[in-house]
Amino acid sequence: MSRPAEYVAARSTLLDAVGALGPHLPNLIMVGAQAIYLHTGEGDLVQPPMTTDADLAVDATDLHEIPEISAALADAGFTAGPNPGHWLSANGVAVDLMVVPHQSGRTGSGARGARLSGHHRNTARITAGLEPALVDHATHRIPALDGADDRAVDLQVAGPAALLIAKAVKVEERLADAERGLAARLREKDALDMFRLLQAVEPEDLVRGLRLHLADDHARPVCERGLATIRQHGLEPKAALPSLAGQAASGDRTVAPSFAALAHDLFAAMDSVKA
């Protein structure tokens, strides 16, 4: 299946960044759309998998100070964007480096750049919602998508449950923004990515990941927040999440009711485990 050139470029840029940060590889976890599509495959939706950037969570636990991350990225041709953690390749493709709040060395809701010992203050952006990815990930072989590029790397990738929760938290934030009149930030694609995960991953597999989150002090409140969002906004076809997913799928009328049904399946699987 032919992939959009932007998606191919995003994977190439991910490999460029990971290659530059080789010694830090154990501390990097692929998140975002590229991780989602790894778990879901191409799917059968009208909208093909598509992303124009790469997202990496940085686990600051025992993070080495050498090489200094911003210098290593600069040496590989990346330039710092206007916001902390936003790095642009020579051809303008973005890589975002993110750190969860409790590892950021910062306090206060207004802080944006993480303070990582030995690294530039704008190296990574503080991002809530990725806490489950720190306890729910596994190593995958990540190849280039360009037939002329034979590179591949073994990289930690967030589990599907961690990605589902991260997307739910993001949508919750944007729904709140929409209520305050900031509707431009509301992206239907986030809900569609949630639908891809619910459709492609067995509920029991998602529950296994959710149980990892709920057993961790930092991941638990994030997981509970994400689940509450799905419960509040995802169980009816006309609710926000199914509706947004349907809009993103070019108005496919089967998506919204399918989303709601799959969300019910997820909670039923969770209840069966509790029982």
Protein backbone atom coordinates (compact mmCIF):
# COMPACT_ATOMS: atom_id res chain seq x y z
CA MET A 1 0.00 0.00 0.00
CA SER A 2 1.39 3.38 -1.00
CA ARG A 3 1.97 5.67 1.97
CA PRO A 4 1.84 9.48 1.93
CA ALA A 5 5.25 11.03 1.38
CA GLU A 6 4.87 13.04 4.60
CA TYR A 7 4.42 9.83 6.61
CA VAL A 8 7.51 8.27 5.02
CA ALA A 9 9.50 11.43 5.80
CA ALA A 10 8.27 11.40 9.40
CA ARG A 11 9.61 7.87 9.90
CA SER A 12 12.93 8.80 8.29
CA THR A 13 13.23 11.78 10.63
CA LEU A 14 12.43 9.59 13.63
CA LEU A 15 15.30 7.28 12.66
CA ASP A 16 17.59 10.29 12.21
CA ALA A 17 16.80 11.53 15.71
CA VAL A 18 17.10 8.13 17.36
CA GLY A 19 20.38 7.55 15.57
CA ALA A 20 21.73 10.84 16.89
CA LEU A 21 20.68 9.94 20.42
CA GLY A 22 21.97 6.36 20.31
CA PRO A 23 23.44 6.22 23.85
CA HIS A 24 20.09 7.45 25.21
CA LEU A 25 18.12 4.77 23.34
CA PRO A 26 17.09 2.89 26.53
CA ASN A 27 15.43 6.09 27.76
CA LEU A 28 13.41 6.78 24.61
CA ILE A 29 9.85 5.56 24.06
CA MET A 30 8.03 6.08 20.77
CA VAL A 31 4.58 7.56 21.34
CA GLY A 32 2.07 9.42 19.19
CA ALA A 33 0.67 8.48 15.81
CA GLN A 34 3.63 6.43 14.60
CA ALA A 35 3.32 4.21 17.67
CA ILE A 36 -0.44 3.90 17.20
CA TYR A 37 -0.08 2.81 13.57
CA LEU A 38 2.53 0.23 14.57
CA HIS A 39 -0.13 -1.44 16.73
CA THR A 40 -3.09 -0.98 14.40
CA GLY A 41 -1.60 -1.50 10.95
CA GLU A 42 -3.10 0.10 7.86
CA GLY A 43 -6.70 -0.69 8.84
CA ASP A 44 -9.68 -0.51 6.51
CA LEU A 45 -10.78 3.09 7.07
CA VAL A 46 -11.21 5.58 4.24
CA GLN A 47 -8.61 7.73 5.98
CA PRO A 48 -5.20 6.01 5.71
CA PRO A 49 -2.67 6.23 8.56
CA MET A 50 -1.05 9.64 8.32
CA THR A 51 1.30 11.71 10.43
CA THR A 52 3.83 14.40 9.60
CA ASP A 53 5.99 14.28 12.73
CA ALA A 54 7.56 11.99 15.32
CA ASP A 55 7.00 11.88 19.09
CA LEU A 56 9.37 10.50 21.70
CA ALA A 57 8.84 10.33 25.44
CA VAL A 58 12.08 10.63 27.40
CA ASP A 59 12.24 8.54 30.56
CA ALA A 60 14.47 10.70 32.76
CA THR A 61 15.24 7.82 35.13
CA ASP A 62 19.04 7.35 35.10
CA LEU A 63 19.31 9.52 31.96
CA HIS A 64 22.98 9.99 31.05
CA GLU A 65 24.37 13.49 30.73
CA ILE A 66 26.58 12.54 27.76
CA PRO A 67 25.95 13.11 24.96
CA GLU A 68 24.11 16.35 25.66
CA ILE A 69 20.84 15.87 23.79
CA SER A 70 20.45 19.29 22.17
CA ALA A 71 24.05 19.25 20.92
CA ALA A 72 23.66 15.72 19.54
CA LEU A 73 20.52 16.72 17.66
CA ALA A 74 22.18 19.87 16.34
CA ASP A 75 25.13 17.82 15.09
CA ALA A 76 22.62 15.62 13.23
CA GLY A 77 21.15 18.63 11.43
CA PHE A 78 18.21 19.40 13.71
CA THR A 79 17.38 22.93 14.82
CA ALA A 80 15.44 23.94 17.91
CA GLY A 81 11.91 25.11 17.23
CA PRO A 82 10.14 27.97 19.01
CA ASN A 83 8.86 25.74 21.84
CA PRO A 84 10.79 23.49 24.24
CA GLY A 85 11.23 19.95 22.95
CA HIS A 86 10.32 20.83 19.36
CA TRP A 87 13.10 19.92 16.94
CA LEU A 88 13.07 20.38 13.18
CA SER A 89 15.03 18.32 10.69
CA ALA A 90 16.81 19.90 7.74
CA ASN A 91 13.72 19.30 5.59
CA GLY A 92 11.34 20.75 8.17
CA VAL A 93 9.94 17.56 9.73
CA ALA A 94 9.35 17.85 13.48
CA VAL A 95 10.45 15.58 16.31
CA ASP A 96 8.95 16.31 19.72
CA LEU A 97 10.79 15.23 22.87
CA MET A 98 8.54 15.07 25.93
CA VAL A 99 9.01 14.46 29.65
CA VAL A 100 6.25 13.74 32.15
CA PRO A 101 5.74 16.36 34.89
CA HIS A 102 7.06 14.32 37.83
CA GLN A 103 10.39 13.77 36.02
CA SER A 104 10.72 17.33 34.73
CA GLY A 105 12.52 18.93 37.67
CA ARG A 106 9.93 21.71 37.57
CA THR A 107 6.97 22.72 39.67
CA GLY A 108 4.05 24.93 38.76
CA SER A 109 1.49 24.60 36.00
CA GLY A 110 3.12 27.24 33.78
CA ALA A 111 6.46 25.44 33.34
CA ARG A 112 7.07 24.21 29.78
CA GLY A 113 10.72 23.16 29.44
CA ALA A 114 11.96 20.18 31.45
CA ARG A 115 15.10 20.49 33.56
CA LEU A 116 17.14 17.42 32.75
CA SER A 117 20.51 17.23 34.47
CA GLY A 118 23.31 17.92 32.00
CA HIS A 119 20.98 18.91 29.15
CA HIS A 120 19.80 22.24 27.75
CA ARG A 121 16.71 23.63 29.43
CA ASN A 122 14.69 23.60 26.19
CA THR A 123 15.64 20.04 25.21
CA ALA A 124 12.27 18.52 26.11
CA ARG A 125 8.74 19.73 26.77
CA ILE A 126 6.80 18.88 29.91
CA THR A 127 3.81 16.83 28.79
CA ALA A 128 1.16 15.24 30.99
CA GLY A 129 -0.63 12.10 29.82
CA LEU A 130 2.44 10.02 28.97
CA GLU A 131 2.94 8.57 32.45
CA PRO A 132 1.37 5.21 31.47
CA ALA A 133 3.88 4.87 28.62
CA LEU A 134 6.71 4.75 31.18
CA VAL A 135 5.34 1.49 32.63
CA ASP A 136 3.59 0.09 29.54
CA HIS A 137 5.98 -0.34 26.63
CA ALA A 138 7.86 -3.01 24.73
CA THR A 139 10.70 -3.19 22.22
CA HIS A 140 9.75 -3.25 18.53
CA ARG A 141 11.80 -3.26 15.35
CA ILE A 142 11.14 0.10 13.64
CA PRO A 143 12.11 0.12 9.95
CA ALA A 144 12.29 2.96 7.47
CA LEU A 145 9.27 3.25 5.17
CA ASP A 146 11.28 4.39 2.16
CA GLY A 147 12.22 1.44 -0.05
CA ALA A 148 15.62 3.00 -0.66
CA ASP A 149 16.34 3.28 3.08
CA ASP A 150 17.41 0.03 4.76
CA ARG A 151 17.68 1.44 8.29
CA ALA A 152 15.87 -0.11 11.24
CA VAL A 153 16.18 0.31 14.99
CA ASP A 154 15.01 -1.60 18.04
CA LEU A 155 13.07 0.99 20.02
CA GLN A 156 10.77 1.00 23.02
CA VAL A 157 7.19 1.67 21.88
CA ALA A 158 4.30 2.62 24.15
CA GLY A 159 1.67 -0.08 24.52
CA PRO A 160 -1.77 0.37 22.94
CA ALA A 161 -3.45 1.02 26.31
CA ALA A 162 -0.93 3.77 27.12
CA LEU A 163 -1.52 5.35 23.71
CA LEU A 164 -5.30 5.16 24.15
CA ILE A 165 -5.09 6.91 27.52
CA ALA A 166 -2.71 9.59 26.18
CA LYS A 167 -5.13 10.37 23.36
CA ALA A 168 -8.10 10.44 25.75
CA VAL A 169 -6.30 12.93 27.99
CA LYS A 170 -5.44 15.09 24.99
CA VAL A 171 -9.04 15.08 23.73
CA GLU A 172 -10.31 15.89 27.22
CA GLU A 173 -8.03 18.95 27.33
CA ARG A 174 -9.21 20.07 23.91
CA LEU A 175 -12.86 19.56 24.74
CA ALA A 176 -12.31 21.82 27.74
CA ASP A 177 -10.64 24.37 25.46
CA ALA A 178 -13.58 24.16 23.06
CA GLU A 179 -15.94 24.97 25.91
CA ARG A 180 -13.85 28.10 26.52
CA GLY A 181 -14.14 29.13 22.87
CA LEU A 182 -10.84 27.64 21.68
CA ALA A 183 -12.47 25.21 19.24
CA ALA A 184 -9.60 25.53 16.75
CA ARG A 185 -7.52 23.19 18.94
CA LEU A 186 -10.10 20.40 18.76
CA ARG A 187 -8.73 17.77 16.36
CA GLU A 188 -10.99 15.01 15.14
CA LYS A 189 -7.95 12.90 14.23
CA ASP A 190 -7.19 12.25 17.91
CA ALA A 191 -10.58 10.56 18.35
CA LEU A 192 -10.07 8.60 15.13
CA ASP A 193 -6.72 7.33 16.44
CA MET A 194 -8.52 6.17 19.58
CA PHE A 195 -11.01 4.32 17.38
CA ARG A 196 -8.15 2.66 15.47
CA LEU A 197 -6.78 1.31 18.75
CA LEU A 198 -10.16 0.13 20.04
CA GLN A 199 -10.84 -1.56 16.70
CA ALA A 200 -7.45 -3.24 16.24
CA VAL A 201 -6.54 -4.31 19.77
CA GLU A 202 -8.46 -6.94 21.72
CA PRO A 203 -10.13 -5.55 24.86
CA GLU A 204 -8.29 -8.09 27.01
CA ASP A 205 -4.95 -6.81 25.71
CA LEU A 206 -5.94 -3.22 26.48
CA VAL A 207 -7.00 -4.27 29.98
CA ARG A 208 -3.59 -5.85 30.59
CA GLY A 209 -1.97 -2.51 29.86
CA LEU A 210 -4.50 -0.59 31.94
CA ARG A 211 -3.75 -2.83 34.92
CA LEU A 212 -0.06 -1.87 34.64
CA HIS A 213 -1.04 1.80 34.73
CA LEU A 214 -3.35 1.37 37.71
CA ALA A 215 -0.58 -0.37 39.67
CA ASP A 216 1.79 2.60 39.32
CA ASP A 217 1.51 5.68 41.54
CA HIS A 218 2.20 8.18 38.75
CA ALA A 219 0.35 6.42 35.94
CA ARG A 220 -2.77 5.61 37.97
CA PRO A 221 -4.35 9.09 38.13
CA VAL A 222 -3.67 9.65 34.42
CA CYS A 223 -5.22 6.30 33.52
CA GLU A 224 -8.27 7.01 35.67
CA ARG A 225 -8.61 10.42 34.02
CA GLY A 226 -8.46 8.91 30.55
CA LEU A 227 -10.95 6.18 31.38
CA ALA A 228 -13.32 8.76 32.85
CA THR A 229 -13.13 10.70 29.59
CA ILE A 230 -13.98 7.61 27.53
CA ARG A 231 -16.83 6.76 29.90
CA GLN A 232 -18.23 10.30 29.79
CA HIS A 233 -17.71 11.06 26.11
CA GLY A 234 -17.46 7.69 24.34
CA LEU A 235 -20.30 5.33 25.22
CA GLU A 236 -23.02 6.76 22.98
CA PRO A 237 -22.79 7.18 19.17
CA LYS A 238 -23.74 10.85 19.46
CA ALA A 239 -21.21 11.56 22.22
CA ALA A 240 -18.15 13.68 21.52
CA LEU A 241 -15.55 10.97 20.91
CA PRO A 242 -17.57 8.79 18.50
CA SER A 243 -18.85 11.88 16.70
CA LEU A 244 -15.37 13.33 16.26
CA ALA A 245 -14.02 9.98 15.04
CA GLY A 246 -16.81 9.75 12.49
CA GLN A 247 -16.10 13.25 11.23
CA ALA A 248 -12.41 12.42 10.85
CA ALA A 249 -13.31 9.26 8.88
CA SER A 250 -14.82 11.34 6.08
CA GLY A 251 -18.25 11.07 7.62
CA ASP A 252 -18.30 7.25 7.63
CA ARG A 253 -21.58 6.57 9.46
CA THR A 254 -20.40 3.22 10.80
CA VAL A 255 -17.56 4.71 12.85
CA ALA A 256 -19.52 6.46 15.61
CA PRO A 257 -21.72 3.48 16.58
CA SER A 258 -18.71 1.17 16.30
CA PHE A 259 -16.66 3.43 18.58
CA ALA A 260 -19.40 3.39 21.22
CA ALA A 261 -19.80 -0.39 21.00
CA LEU A 262 -16.04 -0.94 21.32
CA ALA A 263 -15.86 1.40 24.31
CA HIS A 264 -18.59 -0.66 25.98
CA ASP A 265 -16.57 -3.80 25.21
CA LEU A 266 -13.52 -2.28 26.90
CA PHE A 267 -15.37 -1.51 30.13
CA ALA A 268 -17.04 -4.92 30.07
CA ALA A 269 -13.61 -6.55 29.81
CA MET A 270 -12.39 -4.45 32.73
CA ASP A 271 -15.42 -5.44 34.82
CA SER A 272 -14.87 -9.12 34.06
CA VAL A 273 -11.31 -8.88 35.37
CA LYS A 274 -12.53 -7.24 38.59
CA ALA A 275 -15.12 -9.96 39.03
